[in-house]
C-alpha cells in the first residue's frame, strides 16, 4: 500500500493490526493487512473485527451499537 495515499482509517487499521501479540493470536502476517475495505472482506476474524470497529466508529456508532454488531458478527462466524 502506498503510504502517500493511505487514509486515516487505513493508518488506524495498520496501527492496531501490526501489534505483534495480536498478529500471533490472529495468525496473520503484515501481507494479510490491506485497506480498510479489503479487511472488511477478510476471512480472518481479528482483521475483520478491527476493520468493522474502525469503520463504524468513524460513522459515529455508539459503543453500545458497536458491541452489539461485533458480538453478533463473532457469534455468527466463530
N, C-alpha and C. Protein backbone atom coordinates (compact mmCIF):
# COMPACT_ATOMS: atom_id res chain seq x y z
N UNK A 1 0.84 -1.18 0.00
CA UNK A 1 0.00 0.00 0.00
C UNK A 1 0.89 1.24 0.00
N UNK A 2 0.63 2.16 -0.89
CA UNK A 2 1.40 3.38 -1.00
C UNK A 2 1.03 4.30 0.15
N UNK A 3 1.98 4.60 1.03
CA UNK A 3 1.71 5.40 2.22
C UNK A 3 1.30 6.83 1.87
N UNK A 4 1.63 7.34 0.68
CA UNK A 4 1.27 8.69 0.30
C UNK A 4 -0.25 8.83 0.13
N UNK A 5 -0.94 7.74 -0.15
CA UNK A 5 -2.38 7.78 -0.42
C UNK A 5 -3.19 6.99 0.60
N UNK A 6 -2.64 6.72 1.74
CA UNK A 6 -3.33 5.90 2.73
C UNK A 6 -4.27 6.78 3.57
N UNK A 7 -5.49 6.31 3.77
CA UNK A 7 -6.47 7.09 4.53
C UNK A 7 -6.18 6.97 6.03
N UNK A 8 -6.79 7.86 6.79
CA UNK A 8 -6.62 7.79 8.25
C UNK A 8 -7.15 6.47 8.80
N UNK A 9 -8.27 5.98 8.26
CA UNK A 9 -8.80 4.69 8.71
C UNK A 9 -7.84 3.56 8.40
N UNK A 10 -7.20 3.61 7.23
CA UNK A 10 -6.23 2.57 6.88
C UNK A 10 -5.02 2.64 7.81
N UNK A 11 -4.60 3.85 8.15
CA UNK A 11 -3.48 4.02 9.09
C UNK A 11 -3.83 3.44 10.45
N UNK A 12 -5.06 3.72 10.91
CA UNK A 12 -5.50 3.20 12.20
C UNK A 12 -5.57 1.68 12.17
N UNK A 13 -6.08 1.13 11.07
CA UNK A 13 -6.17 -0.32 10.92
C UNK A 13 -4.79 -0.95 11.04
N UNK A 14 -3.83 -0.39 10.32
CA UNK A 14 -2.48 -0.93 10.36
C UNK A 14 -1.84 -0.77 11.74
N UNK A 15 -2.08 0.38 12.38
CA UNK A 15 -1.51 0.62 13.70
C UNK A 15 -1.98 -0.43 14.70
N UNK A 16 -3.24 -0.79 14.62
CA UNK A 16 -3.78 -1.80 15.54
C UNK A 16 -3.31 -3.20 15.14
N UNK A 17 -3.47 -3.54 13.86
CA UNK A 17 -3.21 -4.92 13.43
C UNK A 17 -1.74 -5.28 13.36
N UNK A 18 -0.84 -4.31 13.35
CA UNK A 18 0.59 -4.62 13.32
C UNK A 18 1.16 -4.92 14.71
N UNK A 19 0.30 -4.96 15.71
CA UNK A 19 0.72 -5.36 17.06
C UNK A 19 1.14 -6.83 17.01
N UNK A 20 2.38 -7.10 17.43
CA UNK A 20 2.92 -8.46 17.31
C UNK A 20 2.10 -9.50 18.07
N UNK A 21 1.63 -9.16 19.25
CA UNK A 21 0.84 -10.12 20.03
C UNK A 21 -0.47 -10.43 19.33
N UNK A 22 -1.11 -9.41 18.79
CA UNK A 22 -2.37 -9.61 18.07
C UNK A 22 -2.14 -10.45 16.81
N UNK A 23 -1.01 -10.21 16.14
CA UNK A 23 -0.68 -10.97 14.94
C UNK A 23 -0.50 -12.46 15.27
N UNK A 24 0.10 -12.75 16.40
CA UNK A 24 0.29 -14.15 16.80
C UNK A 24 -1.05 -14.81 17.11
N UNK A 25 -1.88 -14.12 17.89
CA UNK A 25 -3.19 -14.66 18.26
C UNK A 25 -4.06 -14.83 17.02
N UNK A 26 -4.02 -13.85 16.13
CA UNK A 26 -4.85 -13.88 14.93
C UNK A 26 -4.29 -14.71 13.80
N UNK A 27 -3.05 -15.15 13.95
CA UNK A 27 -2.41 -15.99 12.94
C UNK A 27 -2.45 -15.33 11.56
N UNK A 28 -2.00 -14.07 11.49
CA UNK A 28 -1.91 -13.37 10.22
C UNK A 28 -0.57 -12.65 10.13
N UNK A 29 -0.24 -12.22 8.93
CA UNK A 29 1.01 -11.51 8.70
C UNK A 29 0.70 -10.11 8.18
N UNK A 30 1.72 -9.29 8.06
CA UNK A 30 1.55 -7.94 7.54
C UNK A 30 0.96 -7.97 6.14
N UNK A 31 1.31 -8.97 5.36
CA UNK A 31 0.80 -9.09 3.99
C UNK A 31 -0.71 -9.31 3.96
N UNK A 32 -1.29 -9.80 5.05
CA UNK A 32 -2.73 -10.05 5.13
C UNK A 32 -3.53 -8.77 5.40
N UNK A 33 -2.83 -7.70 5.79
CA UNK A 33 -3.50 -6.45 6.14
C UNK A 33 -3.49 -5.55 4.91
N UNK A 34 -4.66 -5.30 4.38
CA UNK A 34 -4.76 -4.39 3.23
C UNK A 34 -5.43 -3.11 3.67
N UNK A 35 -6.27 -2.62 2.82
CA UNK A 35 -7.03 -1.41 3.14
C UNK A 35 -8.18 -1.78 4.08
N UNK A 36 -8.83 -0.77 4.59
CA UNK A 36 -9.98 -0.99 5.46
C UNK A 36 -11.04 -1.81 4.74
N UNK A 37 -11.30 -1.48 3.47
CA UNK A 37 -12.35 -2.19 2.74
C UNK A 37 -11.96 -3.63 2.42
N UNK A 38 -10.69 -3.89 2.18
CA UNK A 38 -10.23 -5.27 1.99
C UNK A 38 -10.36 -6.03 3.31
N UNK A 39 -10.04 -5.36 4.42
CA UNK A 39 -10.12 -6.00 5.74
C UNK A 39 -11.56 -6.36 6.09
N UNK A 40 -12.51 -5.55 5.64
CA UNK A 40 -13.92 -5.85 5.90
C UNK A 40 -14.36 -7.13 5.19
N UNK A 41 -13.65 -7.53 4.15
CA UNK A 41 -13.96 -8.77 3.43
C UNK A 41 -13.09 -9.94 3.87
N UNK A 42 -12.19 -9.71 4.83
CA UNK A 42 -11.26 -10.74 5.27
C UNK A 42 -11.98 -11.88 5.98
N UNK A 43 -11.48 -13.09 5.77
CA UNK A 43 -12.00 -14.26 6.49
C UNK A 43 -11.39 -14.37 7.88
N UNK A 44 -10.35 -13.58 8.14
CA UNK A 44 -9.71 -13.59 9.45
C UNK A 44 -10.56 -12.76 10.40
N UNK A 45 -11.03 -13.39 11.48
CA UNK A 45 -11.96 -12.74 12.40
C UNK A 45 -11.37 -11.50 13.06
N UNK A 46 -10.11 -11.54 13.41
CA UNK A 46 -9.49 -10.39 14.07
C UNK A 46 -9.36 -9.23 13.09
N UNK A 47 -8.86 -9.49 11.90
CA UNK A 47 -8.74 -8.42 10.90
C UNK A 47 -10.10 -7.82 10.60
N UNK A 48 -11.08 -8.66 10.37
CA UNK A 48 -12.42 -8.19 10.03
C UNK A 48 -13.04 -7.41 11.18
N UNK A 49 -12.91 -7.90 12.40
CA UNK A 49 -13.50 -7.24 13.56
C UNK A 49 -12.88 -5.86 13.78
N UNK A 50 -11.57 -5.76 13.72
CA UNK A 50 -10.91 -4.46 13.89
C UNK A 50 -11.38 -3.49 12.80
N UNK A 51 -11.50 -3.98 11.58
CA UNK A 51 -11.96 -3.13 10.47
C UNK A 51 -13.40 -2.65 10.71
N UNK A 52 -14.25 -3.54 11.20
CA UNK A 52 -15.63 -3.15 11.48
C UNK A 52 -15.69 -2.07 12.57
N UNK A 53 -14.89 -2.23 13.61
CA UNK A 53 -14.87 -1.26 14.70
C UNK A 53 -14.43 0.11 14.18
N UNK A 54 -13.36 0.13 13.40
CA UNK A 54 -12.85 1.40 12.86
C UNK A 54 -13.88 2.05 11.94
N UNK A 55 -14.47 1.27 11.06
CA UNK A 55 -15.45 1.81 10.11
C UNK A 55 -16.66 2.38 10.85
N UNK A 56 -17.23 1.60 11.74
CA UNK A 56 -18.46 2.02 12.43
C UNK A 56 -18.19 3.17 13.40
N UNK A 57 -17.04 3.18 14.05
CA UNK A 57 -16.69 4.30 14.93
C UNK A 57 -16.59 5.58 14.11
N UNK A 58 -16.00 5.48 12.93
CA UNK A 58 -15.89 6.63 12.04
C UNK A 58 -17.23 7.13 11.54
N UNK A 59 -18.20 6.23 11.52
CA UNK A 59 -19.56 6.60 11.10
C UNK A 59 -20.39 7.16 12.26
N UNK A 60 -19.79 7.15 13.47
CA UNK A 60 -20.47 7.71 14.63
C UNK A 60 -21.27 6.71 15.44
N UNK A 61 -21.04 5.42 15.26
CA UNK A 61 -21.76 4.41 16.03
C UNK A 61 -21.42 4.54 17.51
N UNK A 62 -22.41 4.29 18.34
CA UNK A 62 -22.18 4.34 19.79
C UNK A 62 -21.46 3.07 20.23
N UNK A 63 -20.91 3.11 21.44
CA UNK A 63 -20.25 1.91 21.98
C UNK A 63 -21.23 0.76 22.06
N UNK A 64 -22.47 1.05 22.43
CA UNK A 64 -23.49 0.00 22.54
C UNK A 64 -23.76 -0.63 21.17
N UNK A 65 -23.88 0.21 20.12
CA UNK A 65 -24.10 -0.31 18.77
C UNK A 65 -22.92 -1.16 18.32
N UNK A 66 -21.71 -0.67 18.58
CA UNK A 66 -20.50 -1.42 18.22
C UNK A 66 -20.48 -2.77 18.91
N UNK A 67 -20.74 -2.78 20.21
CA UNK A 67 -20.70 -4.03 20.97
C UNK A 67 -21.69 -5.02 20.38
N UNK A 68 -22.93 -4.57 20.11
CA UNK A 68 -23.94 -5.47 19.58
C UNK A 68 -23.54 -6.01 18.21
N UNK A 69 -23.09 -5.13 17.32
CA UNK A 69 -22.72 -5.56 15.97
C UNK A 69 -21.54 -6.53 15.98
N UNK A 70 -20.52 -6.23 16.77
CA UNK A 70 -19.34 -7.10 16.83
C UNK A 70 -19.69 -8.42 17.49
N UNK A 71 -20.46 -8.37 18.55
CA UNK A 71 -20.89 -9.58 19.24
C UNK A 71 -21.68 -10.48 18.29
N UNK A 72 -22.63 -9.90 17.55
CA UNK A 72 -23.41 -10.67 16.57
C UNK A 72 -22.53 -11.26 15.49
N UNK A 73 -21.57 -10.47 14.98
CA UNK A 73 -20.65 -10.96 13.95
C UNK A 73 -19.86 -12.17 14.45
N UNK A 74 -19.31 -12.03 15.66
CA UNK A 74 -18.49 -13.12 16.18
C UNK A 74 -19.33 -14.37 16.49
N UNK A 75 -20.53 -14.19 16.98
CA UNK A 75 -21.41 -15.35 17.22
C UNK A 75 -21.72 -16.09 15.92
N UNK A 76 -21.91 -15.34 14.83
CA UNK A 76 -22.24 -15.96 13.54
C UNK A 76 -21.04 -16.63 12.88
N UNK A 77 -19.83 -16.14 13.18
CA UNK A 77 -18.68 -16.57 12.39
C UNK A 77 -17.60 -17.33 13.13
N UNK A 78 -17.62 -17.34 14.43
CA UNK A 78 -16.53 -18.03 15.16
C UNK A 78 -17.07 -19.32 15.73
